[in-house]
Amino acid sequence: MDTSLPSDPQFIKAYTKHRKHLRLNGFQPKTIDAYSRAIRRIGNYFDCQLDDLTMDQLVDYFSDLLESHSWVTVKLDLYGLKFFYTNTLNKSWQDIPLIKPPKATRIPDIVSIEQAKLIFAATNKLSYKVLFFTLYSMGLRLGEGIKLTVADIDSTNMRVHIRNAKGNKDRLVPLPESTLSMLKNFWSFHRHPDLIFPNRKGGLKNAHLADSPLNRKGVQVAMQAVVKEVGIKKKLVATPYVTATQLIFWKPVLI
């Protein structure tokens, strides 16, 4: 389904208003993008006529969507359209009782300590190596680890302040001694005044001048390559239970 922005002037006006309302309601950037993409996709599907969609039209749309997309996409489009109706169009919204994803209980794959050591050892770039260790040892999400700053590290109380996490909430995470030592050693290589994991565009020499953290996509590609190299079939899932991993030493390499 087409997710490009339709050229219809009235739609563009409503779409722009939709994004403004999303930002004013404090949604995270990823949610704003998802809800905006939903309205573009629905707009293209209905030739930009979204003011008075009938139940039958919505059932047709979401049935077609489910043919080519996951239940996650279906739910995001549903929530995005509901927000569009109630906030942008200021209209009442009738829930669609037919849309109910199947219940599924899944246990996430957890990488063992031995498997984690293989991943750390096989990672050649120092910035990625330290990031992977940090994520694993403290049970952080990828986005949380990448955005860590110097001010987030509380070495006195041995904890890390995770800001704007899932649900726009902050939380404090225990900081293992081994992780603190590794982060200190890593920071001494680039000495960025704010970021723990500055981007690698300028290399080690200019890392202290970086204006953004490591690229999320680059980290994901590196992780996939390492996991494939060491022959681990599970996906790496950060776990809060492995905080006693011993410090792993390596020869410094360029970040």
C-alpha atoms as a PDB file:
ATOM      1  CA  MET A   1       0.000   0.000   0.000  1.00  0.00           C
ATOM      2  CA  ASP A   2       1.181   3.490  -0.907  1.00  0.00           C
ATOM      3  CA  THR A   3       2.542   5.534   2.017  1.00  0.00           C
ATOM      4  CA  SER A   4       3.667   8.575   0.026  1.00  0.00           C
ATOM      5  CA  LEU A   5       2.108  11.936   0.857  1.00  0.00           C
ATOM      6  CA  PRO A   6      -0.916  12.599  -1.394  1.00  0.00           C
ATOM      7  CA  SER A   7      -0.880  15.868  -3.338  1.00  0.00           C
ATOM      8  CA  ASP A   8      -4.431  16.878  -2.450  1.00  0.00           C
ATOM      9  CA  PRO A   9      -4.251  20.341  -0.772  1.00  0.00           C
ATOM     10  CA  GLN A  10      -7.045  19.666   1.707  1.00  0.00           C
ATOM     11  CA  PHE A  11      -5.474  16.388   2.740  1.00  0.00           C
ATOM     12  CA  ILE A  12      -2.073  18.013   3.193  1.00  0.00           C
ATOM     13  CA  LYS A  13      -3.662  20.659   5.410  1.00  0.00           C
ATOM     14  CA  ALA A  14      -5.340  18.037   7.591  1.00  0.00           C
ATOM     15  CA  TYR A  15      -2.188  15.889   7.615  1.00  0.00           C
ATOM     16  CA  THR A  16      -0.059  18.830   8.782  1.00  0.00           C
ATOM     17  CA  LYS A  17      -2.577  19.549  11.536  1.00  0.00           C
ATOM     18  CA  HIS A  18      -2.494  15.852  12.494  1.00  0.00           C
ATOM     19  CA  ARG A  19       1.278  15.924  13.012  1.00  0.00           C
ATOM     20  CA  LYS A  20       1.041  19.118  15.069  1.00  0.00           C
ATOM     21  CA  HIS A  21      -1.521  17.506  17.371  1.00  0.00           C
ATOM     22  CA  LEU A  22       0.661  14.426  17.746  1.00  0.00           C
ATOM     23  CA  ARG A  23       3.618  16.533  18.837  1.00  0.00           C
ATOM     24  CA  LEU A  24       1.482  18.623  21.195  1.00  0.00           C
ATOM     25  CA  ASN A  25       0.184  15.430  22.812  1.00  0.00           C
ATOM     26  CA  GLY A  26       3.740  14.428  23.679  1.00  0.00           C
ATOM     27  CA  PHE A  27       4.049  11.344  21.498  1.00  0.00           C
ATOM     28  CA  GLN A  28       7.499   9.885  20.883  1.00  0.00           C
ATOM     29  CA  PRO A  29       9.025  10.522  17.408  1.00  0.00           C
ATOM     30  CA  LYS A  30       8.587   6.859  16.417  1.00  0.00           C
ATOM     31  CA  THR A  31       4.893   6.972  17.307  1.00  0.00           C
ATOM     32  CA  ILE A  32       4.437  10.235  15.418  1.00  0.00           C
ATOM     33  CA  ASP A  33       6.036   8.666  12.351  1.00  0.00           C
ATOM     34  CA  ALA A  34       3.865   5.542  12.644  1.00  0.00           C
ATOM     35  CA  TYR A  35       0.596   7.472  13.044  1.00  0.00           C
ATOM     36  CA  SER A  36       1.554   9.843  10.231  1.00  0.00           C
ATOM     37  CA  ARG A  37       2.421   6.945   7.934  1.00  0.00           C
ATOM     38  CA  ALA A  38      -0.964   5.418   8.763  1.00  0.00           C
ATOM     39  CA  ILE A  39      -2.832   8.535   7.633  1.00  0.00           C
ATOM     40  CA  ARG A  40      -0.813   8.749   4.415  1.00  0.00           C
ATOM     41  CA  ARG A  41      -1.546   5.091   3.662  1.00  0.00           C
ATOM     42  CA  ILE A  42      -5.264   5.422   4.479  1.00  0.00           C
ATOM     43  CA  GLY A  43      -5.446   8.682   2.547  1.00  0.00           C
ATOM     44  CA  ASN A  44      -4.075   7.044  -0.585  1.00  0.00           C
ATOM     45  CA  TYR A  45      -6.404   4.084  -0.163  1.00  0.00           C
ATOM     46  CA  PHE A  46      -9.520   6.271   0.035  1.00  0.00           C
ATOM     47  CA  ASP A  47      -8.426   8.990  -2.434  1.00  0.00           C
ATOM     48  CA  CYS A  48      -7.991  11.459   0.437  1.00  0.00           C
ATOM     49  CA  GLN A  49     -11.649  11.249   1.476  1.00  0.00           C
ATOM     50  CA  LEU A  50     -11.331  10.431   5.175  1.00  0.00           C
ATOM     51  CA  ASP A  51     -14.032  12.627   6.712  1.00  0.00           C
ATOM     52  CA  ASP A  52     -16.878  10.120   6.846  1.00  0.00           C
ATOM     53  CA  LEU A  53     -15.581   6.601   6.440  1.00  0.00           C
ATOM     54  CA  THR A  54     -18.204   3.933   6.996  1.00  0.00           C
ATOM     55  CA  MET A  55     -17.741   0.783   9.007  1.00  0.00           C
ATOM     56  CA  ASP A  56     -17.792  -1.269   5.798  1.00  0.00           C
ATOM     57  CA  GLN A  57     -15.046   0.884   4.290  1.00  0.00           C
ATOM     58  CA  LEU A  58     -12.882   0.490   7.370  1.00  0.00           C
ATOM     59  CA  VAL A  59     -13.412  -3.264   7.431  1.00  0.00           C
ATOM     60  CA  ASP A  60     -12.363  -3.440   3.759  1.00  0.00           C
ATOM     61  CA  TYR A  61      -9.259  -1.347   4.396  1.00  0.00           C
ATOM     62  CA  PHE A  62      -8.020  -3.248   7.423  1.00  0.00           C
ATOM     63  CA  SER A  63      -8.772  -6.595   5.773  1.00  0.00           C
ATOM     64  CA  ASP A  64      -6.655  -5.584   2.773  1.00  0.00           C
ATOM     65  CA  LEU A  65      -3.947  -4.235   5.057  1.00  0.00           C
ATOM     66  CA  LEU A  66      -3.723  -7.501   6.972  1.00  0.00           C
ATOM     67  CA  GLU A  67      -3.123  -9.358   3.703  1.00  0.00           C
ATOM     68  CA  SER A  68       0.262  -7.668   3.298  1.00  0.00           C
ATOM     69  CA  HIS A  69       1.193  -6.376   6.747  1.00  0.00           C
ATOM     70  CA  SER A  70       1.473  -7.568  10.334  1.00  0.00           C
ATOM     71  CA  TRP A  71      -0.975  -7.130  13.173  1.00  0.00           C
ATOM     72  CA  VAL A  72       1.355  -4.485  14.569  1.00  0.00           C
ATOM     73  CA  THR A  73       0.819  -2.356  11.465  1.00  0.00           C
ATOM     74  CA  VAL A  74      -2.932  -2.939  11.624  1.00  0.00           C
ATOM     75  CA  LYS A  75      -3.047  -1.728  15.222  1.00  0.00           C
ATOM     76  CA  LEU A  76      -0.863   1.309  14.522  1.00  0.00           C
ATOM     77  CA  ASP A  77      -3.021   2.334  11.572  1.00  0.00           C
ATOM     78  CA  LEU A  78      -6.142   1.880  13.683  1.00  0.00           C
ATOM     79  CA  TYR A  79      -4.764   3.986  16.535  1.00  0.00           C
ATOM     80  CA  GLY A  80      -3.455   6.585  14.082  1.00  0.00           C
ATOM     81  CA  LEU A  81      -6.823   6.901  12.376  1.00  0.00           C
ATOM     82  CA  LYS A  82      -8.642   7.104  15.708  1.00  0.00           C
ATOM     83  CA  PHE A  83      -6.356   9.948  16.804  1.00  0.00           C
ATOM     84  CA  PHE A  84      -6.883  11.666  13.446  1.00  0.00           C
ATOM     85  CA  TYR A  85     -10.669  11.525  13.833  1.00  0.00           C
ATOM     86  CA  THR A  86     -10.868  12.594  17.464  1.00  0.00           C
ATOM     87  CA  ASN A  87      -8.151  15.272  17.462  1.00  0.00           C
ATOM     88  CA  THR A  88      -7.632  16.513  13.914  1.00  0.00           C
ATOM     89  CA  LEU A  89     -11.198  16.241  12.596  1.00  0.00           C
ATOM     90  CA  ASN A  90     -12.745  16.647  16.079  1.00  0.00           C
ATOM     91  CA  LYS A  91     -15.273  13.909  15.336  1.00  0.00           C
ATOM     92  CA  SER A  92     -16.603  11.038  17.378  1.00  0.00           C
ATOM     93  CA  TRP A  93     -14.991   7.671  16.828  1.00  0.00           C
ATOM     94  CA  GLN A  94     -16.694   4.307  16.767  1.00  0.00           C
ATOM     95  CA  ASP A  95     -14.423   1.419  17.669  1.00  0.00           C
ATOM     96  CA  ILE A  96     -14.176  -1.388  15.169  1.00  0.00           C
ATOM     97  CA  PRO A  97     -15.042  -4.567  17.094  1.00  0.00           C
ATOM     98  CA  LEU A  98     -13.903  -6.804  14.254  1.00  0.00           C
ATOM     99  CA  ILE A  99     -10.260  -5.844  14.670  1.00  0.00           C
ATOM    100  CA  LYS A 100      -8.872  -8.041  17.398  1.00  0.00           C
ATOM    101  CA  PRO A 101      -5.412  -9.563  16.956  1.00  0.00           C
ATOM    102  CA  PRO A 102      -4.981 -13.185  18.029  1.00  0.00           C
ATOM    103  CA  LYS A 103      -3.605 -13.688  21.514  1.00  0.00           C
ATOM    104  CA  ALA A 104      -0.083 -15.030  21.609  1.00  0.00           C
ATOM    105  CA  THR A 105       2.287 -15.584  24.500  1.00  0.00           C
ATOM    106  CA  ARG A 106       5.928 -15.615  23.488  1.00  0.00           C
ATOM    107  CA  ILE A 107       9.019 -16.020  25.607  1.00  0.00           C
ATOM    108  CA  PRO A 108      11.812 -13.796  24.245  1.00  0.00           C
ATOM    109  CA  ASP A 109      15.117 -15.374  23.297  1.00  0.00           C
ATOM    110  CA  ILE A 110      17.797 -14.576  25.855  1.00  0.00           C
ATOM    111  CA  VAL A 111      21.431 -14.742  24.870  1.00  0.00           C
ATOM    112  CA  SER A 112      23.495 -16.646  27.428  1.00  0.00           C
ATOM    113  CA  ILE A 113      26.611 -15.191  29.030  1.00  0.00           C
ATOM    114  CA  GLU A 114      28.820 -17.456  26.920  1.00  0.00           C
ATOM    115  CA  GLN A 115      27.037 -16.406  23.739  1.00  0.00           C
ATOM    116  CA  ALA A 116      27.320 -12.762  24.757  1.00  0.00           C
ATOM    117  CA  LYS A 117      31.078 -13.174  25.247  1.00  0.00           C
ATOM    118  CA  LEU A 118      31.322 -14.569  21.713  1.00  0.00           C
ATOM    119  CA  ILE A 119      29.487 -11.525  20.385  1.00  0.00           C
ATOM    120  CA  PHE A 120      31.710  -9.087  22.284  1.00  0.00           C
ATOM    121  CA  ALA A 121      34.869 -10.857  21.144  1.00  0.00           C
ATOM    122  CA  ALA A 122      33.767 -10.926  17.502  1.00  0.00           C
ATOM    123  CA  THR A 123      32.877  -7.223  17.414  1.00  0.00           C
ATOM    124  CA  ASN A 124      35.796  -5.305  15.894  1.00  0.00           C
ATOM    125  CA  LYS A 125      34.674  -1.724  16.390  1.00  0.00           C
ATOM    126  CA  LEU A 126      35.286  -0.451  19.885  1.00  0.00           C
ATOM    127  CA  SER A 127      32.175   1.741  19.985  1.00  0.00           C
ATOM    128  CA  TYR A 128      29.932  -1.187  19.049  1.00  0.00           C
ATOM    129  CA  LYS A 129      31.721  -3.548  21.424  1.00  0.00           C
ATOM    130  CA  VAL A 130      31.215  -1.228  24.383  1.00  0.00           C
ATOM    131  CA  LEU A 131      27.620  -0.480  23.398  1.00  0.00           C
ATOM    132  CA  PHE A 132      26.732  -4.183  23.127  1.00  0.00           C
ATOM    133  CA  PHE A 133      28.279  -4.868  26.529  1.00  0.00           C
ATOM    134  CA  THR A 134      26.437  -1.896  28.058  1.00  0.00           C
ATOM    135  CA  LEU A 135      23.083  -2.977  26.646  1.00  0.00           C
ATOM    136  CA  TYR A 136      23.537  -6.548  27.813  1.00  0.00           C
ATOM    137  CA  SER A 137      24.906  -5.836  31.268  1.00  0.00           C
ATOM    138  CA  MET A 138      22.203  -3.324  32.201  1.00  0.00           C
ATOM    139  CA  GLY A 139      19.231  -4.681  30.245  1.00  0.00           C
ATOM    140  CA  LEU A 140      18.788  -1.567  28.100  1.00  0.00           C
ATOM    141  CA  ARG A 141      16.900  -1.118  24.867  1.00  0.00           C
ATOM    142  CA  LEU A 142      19.004  -0.130  21.877  1.00  0.00           C
ATOM    143  CA  GLY A 143      17.632   3.416  21.749  1.00  0.00           C
ATOM    144  CA  GLU A 144      18.237   3.877  25.470  1.00  0.00           C
ATOM    145  CA  GLY A 145      21.879   2.827  25.232  1.00  0.00           C
ATOM    146  CA  ILE A 146      22.687   4.920  22.180  1.00  0.00           C
ATOM    147  CA  LYS A 147      21.342   8.102  23.786  1.00  0.00           C
ATOM    148  CA  LEU A 148      23.288   7.781  27.051  1.00  0.00           C
ATOM    149  CA  THR A 149      25.086  10.960  28.094  1.00  0.00           C
ATOM    150  CA  VAL A 150      27.859  11.693  30.551  1.00  0.00           C
ATOM    151  CA  ALA A 151      25.311  13.300  32.872  1.00  0.00           C
ATOM    152  CA  ASP A 152      23.298  10.063  32.982  1.00  0.00           C
ATOM    153  CA  ILE A 153      26.106   8.140  34.664  1.00  0.00           C
ATOM    154  CA  ASP A 154      25.899   8.325  38.464  1.00  0.00           C
ATOM    155  CA  SER A 155      29.102   6.620  39.580  1.00  0.00           C
ATOM    156  CA  THR A 156      28.579   7.699  43.204  1.00  0.00           C
ATOM    157  CA  ASN A 157      25.359   5.724  43.583  1.00  0.00           C
ATOM    158  CA  MET A 158      26.289   3.201  40.862  1.00  0.00           C
ATOM    159  CA  ARG A 159      23.237   3.764  38.724  1.00  0.00           C
ATOM    160  CA  VAL A 160      22.310   5.146  35.315  1.00  0.00           C
ATOM    161  CA  HIS A 161      19.474   7.553  34.605  1.00  0.00           C
ATOM    162  CA  ILE A 162      17.511   6.355  31.561  1.00  0.00           C
ATOM    163  CA  ARG A 163      15.571   9.311  30.160  1.00  0.00           C
ATOM    164  CA  ASN A 164      12.464   9.366  27.972  1.00  0.00           C
ATOM    165  CA  ALA A 165      12.234   5.596  27.837  1.00  0.00           C
ATOM    166  CA  LYS A 166       9.206   3.648  26.663  1.00  0.00           C
ATOM    167  CA  GLY A 167       6.019   5.460  27.598  1.00  0.00           C
ATOM    168  CA  ASN A 168       7.917   8.764  28.018  1.00  0.00           C
ATOM    169  CA  LYS A 169       9.081   7.605  31.437  1.00  0.00           C
ATOM    170  CA  ASP A 170      12.445   7.926  33.171  1.00  0.00           C
ATOM    171  CA  ARG A 171      13.949   5.161  35.256  1.00  0.00           C
ATOM    172  CA  LEU A 172      17.103   4.352  37.204  1.00  0.00           C
ATOM    173  CA  VAL A 173      19.115   1.235  36.335  1.00  0.00           C
ATOM    174  CA  PRO A 174      21.840  -0.375  38.481  1.00  0.00           C
ATOM    175  CA  LEU A 175      25.327   0.204  37.087  1.00  0.00           C
ATOM    176  CA  PRO A 176      27.700  -2.801  37.382  1.00  0.00           C
ATOM    177  CA  GLU A 177      31.326  -2.063  38.295  1.00  0.00           C
ATOM    178  CA  SER A 178      32.545  -3.747  35.105  1.00  0.00           C
ATOM    179  CA  THR A 179      30.288  -1.604  32.943  1.00  0.00           C
ATOM    180  CA  LEU A 180      31.360   1.601  34.678  1.00  0.00           C
ATOM    181  CA  SER A 181      35.018   0.717  34.177  1.00  0.00           C
ATOM    182  CA  MET A 182      34.422  -0.059  30.513  1.00  0.00           C
ATOM    183  CA  LEU A 183      32.497   3.170  29.910  1.00  0.00           C
ATOM    184  CA  LYS A 184      35.237   5.225  31.577  1.00  0.00           C
ATOM    185  CA  ASN A 185      37.929   3.612  29.444  1.00  0.00           C
ATOM    186  CA  PHE A 186      35.868   4.097  26.294  1.00  0.00           C
ATOM    187  CA  TRP A 187      35.108   7.750  27.064  1.00  0.00           C
ATOM    188  CA  SER A 188      38.832   8.427  27.521  1.00  0.00           C
ATOM    189  CA  PHE A 189      39.307   7.631  23.813  1.00  0.00           C
ATOM    190  CA  HIS A 190      36.870  10.238  22.473  1.00  0.00           C
ATOM    191  CA  ARG A 191      36.208  12.628  25.420  1.00  0.00           C
ATOM    192  CA  HIS A 192      32.963  13.962  24.021  1.00  0.00           C
ATOM    193  CA  PRO A 193      31.608  16.568  26.475  1.00  0.00           C
ATOM    194  CA  ASP A 194      28.100  15.119  26.387  1.00  0.00           C
ATOM    195  CA  LEU A 195      27.628  11.847  24.475  1.00  0.00           C
ATOM    196  CA  ILE A 196      28.794   8.442  25.654  1.00  0.00           C
ATOM    197  CA  PHE A 197      28.446   6.963  22.168  1.00  0.00           C
ATOM    198  CA  PRO A 198      29.134   9.738  19.613  1.00  0.00           C
ATOM    199  CA  ASN A 199      28.647   8.858  15.956  1.00  0.00           C
ATOM    200  CA  ARG A 200      31.617   7.536  13.991  1.00  0.00           C
ATOM    201  CA  LYS A 201      31.372   9.808  10.946  1.00  0.00           C
ATOM    202  CA  GLY A 202      34.443  11.838  11.820  1.00  0.00           C
ATOM    203  CA  GLY A 203      36.493   8.939  13.170  1.00  0.00           C
ATOM    204  CA  LEU A 204      38.310   8.850  16.476  1.00  0.00           C
ATOM    205  CA  LYS A 205      40.072  12.177  15.899  1.00  0.00           C
ATOM    206  CA  ASN A 206      36.841  14.149  15.582  1.00  0.00           C
ATOM    207  CA  ALA A 207      34.547  12.056  17.782  1.00  0.00           C
ATOM    208  CA  HIS A 208      34.511  14.780  20.438  1.00  0.00           C
ATOM    209  CA  LEU A 209      32.885  17.115  17.884  1.00  0.00           C
ATOM    210  CA  ALA A 210      30.032  14.766  16.921  1.00  0.00           C
ATOM    211  CA  ASP A 211      26.566  16.313  17.093  1.00  0.00           C
ATOM    212  CA  SER A 212      24.634  13.048  17.312  1.00  0.00           C
ATOM    213  CA  PRO A 213      24.997   9.561  18.833  1.00  0.00           C
ATOM    214  CA  LEU A 214      25.690   6.329  16.962  1.00  0.00           C
ATOM    215  CA  ASN A 215      23.369   5.597  14.067  1.00  0.00           C
ATOM    216  CA  ARG A 216      20.710   3.106  15.120  1.00  0.00           C
ATOM    217  CA  LYS A 217      20.606   1.375  11.739  1.00  0.00           C
ATOM    218  CA  GLY A 218      24.378   1.028  11.666  1.00  0.00           C
ATOM    219  CA  VAL A 219      24.340  -0.621  15.092  1.00  0.00           C
ATOM    220  CA  GLN A 220      21.619  -3.048  14.019  1.00  0.00           C
ATOM    221  CA  VAL A 221      23.514  -4.017  10.860  1.00  0.00           C
ATOM    222  CA  ALA A 222      26.689  -4.577  12.881  1.00  0.00           C
ATOM    223  CA  MET A 223      24.848  -6.742  15.399  1.00  0.00           C
ATOM    224  CA  GLN A 224      23.274  -8.870  12.664  1.00  0.00           C
ATOM    225  CA  ALA A 225      26.673  -9.390  11.052  1.00  0.00           C
ATOM    226  CA  VAL A 226      28.330 -10.397  14.325  1.00  0.00           C
ATOM    227  CA  VAL A 227      25.527 -12.759  15.332  1.00  0.00           C
ATOM    228  CA  LYS A 228      25.747 -14.415  11.923  1.00  0.00           C
ATOM    229  CA  GLU A 229      29.534 -14.680  12.167  1.00  0.00           C
ATOM    230  CA  VAL A 230      29.501 -16.429  15.545  1.00  0.00           C
ATOM    231  CA  GLY A 231      26.643 -18.693  14.497  1.00  0.00           C
ATOM    232  CA  ILE A 232      24.023 -17.640  17.021  1.00  0.00           C
ATOM    233  CA  LYS A 233      20.522 -18.143  15.688  1.00  0.00           C
ATOM    234  CA  LYS A 234      18.762 -16.320  18.500  1.00  0.00           C
ATOM    235  CA  LYS A 235      18.123 -12.589  18.354  1.00  0.00           C
ATOM    236  CA  LEU A 236      20.062 -10.571  20.909  1.00  0.00           C
ATOM    237  CA  VAL A 237      17.645  -9.404  23.577  1.00  0.00           C
ATOM    238  CA  ALA A 238      18.938  -7.186  26.358  1.00  0.00           C
ATOM    239  CA  THR A 239      18.221  -8.798  29.708  1.00  0.00           C
ATOM    240  CA  PRO A 240      18.277  -7.099  33.111  1.00  0.00           C
ATOM    241  CA  TYR A 241      19.407 -10.272  34.841  1.00  0.00           C
ATOM    242  CA  VAL A 242      22.971 -10.481  33.603  1.00  0.00           C
ATOM    243  CA  THR A 243      24.765  -7.801  35.593  1.00  0.00           C
ATOM    244  CA  ALA A 244      27.601  -9.935  36.891  1.00  0.00           C
ATOM    245  CA  THR A 245      29.350 -10.485  33.553  1.00  0.00           C
ATOM    246  CA  GLN A 246      33.088 -10.210  34.048  1.00  0.00           C
ATOM    247  CA  LEU A 247      34.933  -7.389  32.342  1.00  0.00           C
ATOM    248  CA  ILE A 248      36.221  -8.446  28.933  1.00  0.00           C
ATOM    249  CA  PHE A 249      39.482  -6.873  27.829  1.00  0.00           C
ATOM    250  CA  TRP A 250      40.526  -6.224  24.249  1.00  0.00           C
ATOM    251  CA  LYS A 251      43.078  -4.258  22.287  1.00  0.00           C
ATOM    252  CA  PRO A 252      41.756  -0.788  21.400  1.00  0.00           C
ATOM    253  CA  VAL A 253      40.612  -0.323  17.801  1.00  0.00           C
ATOM    254  CA  LEU A 254      39.290   2.704  15.963  1.00  0.00           C
ATOM    255  CA  ILE A 255      35.728   3.674  16.820  1.00  0.00           C
END
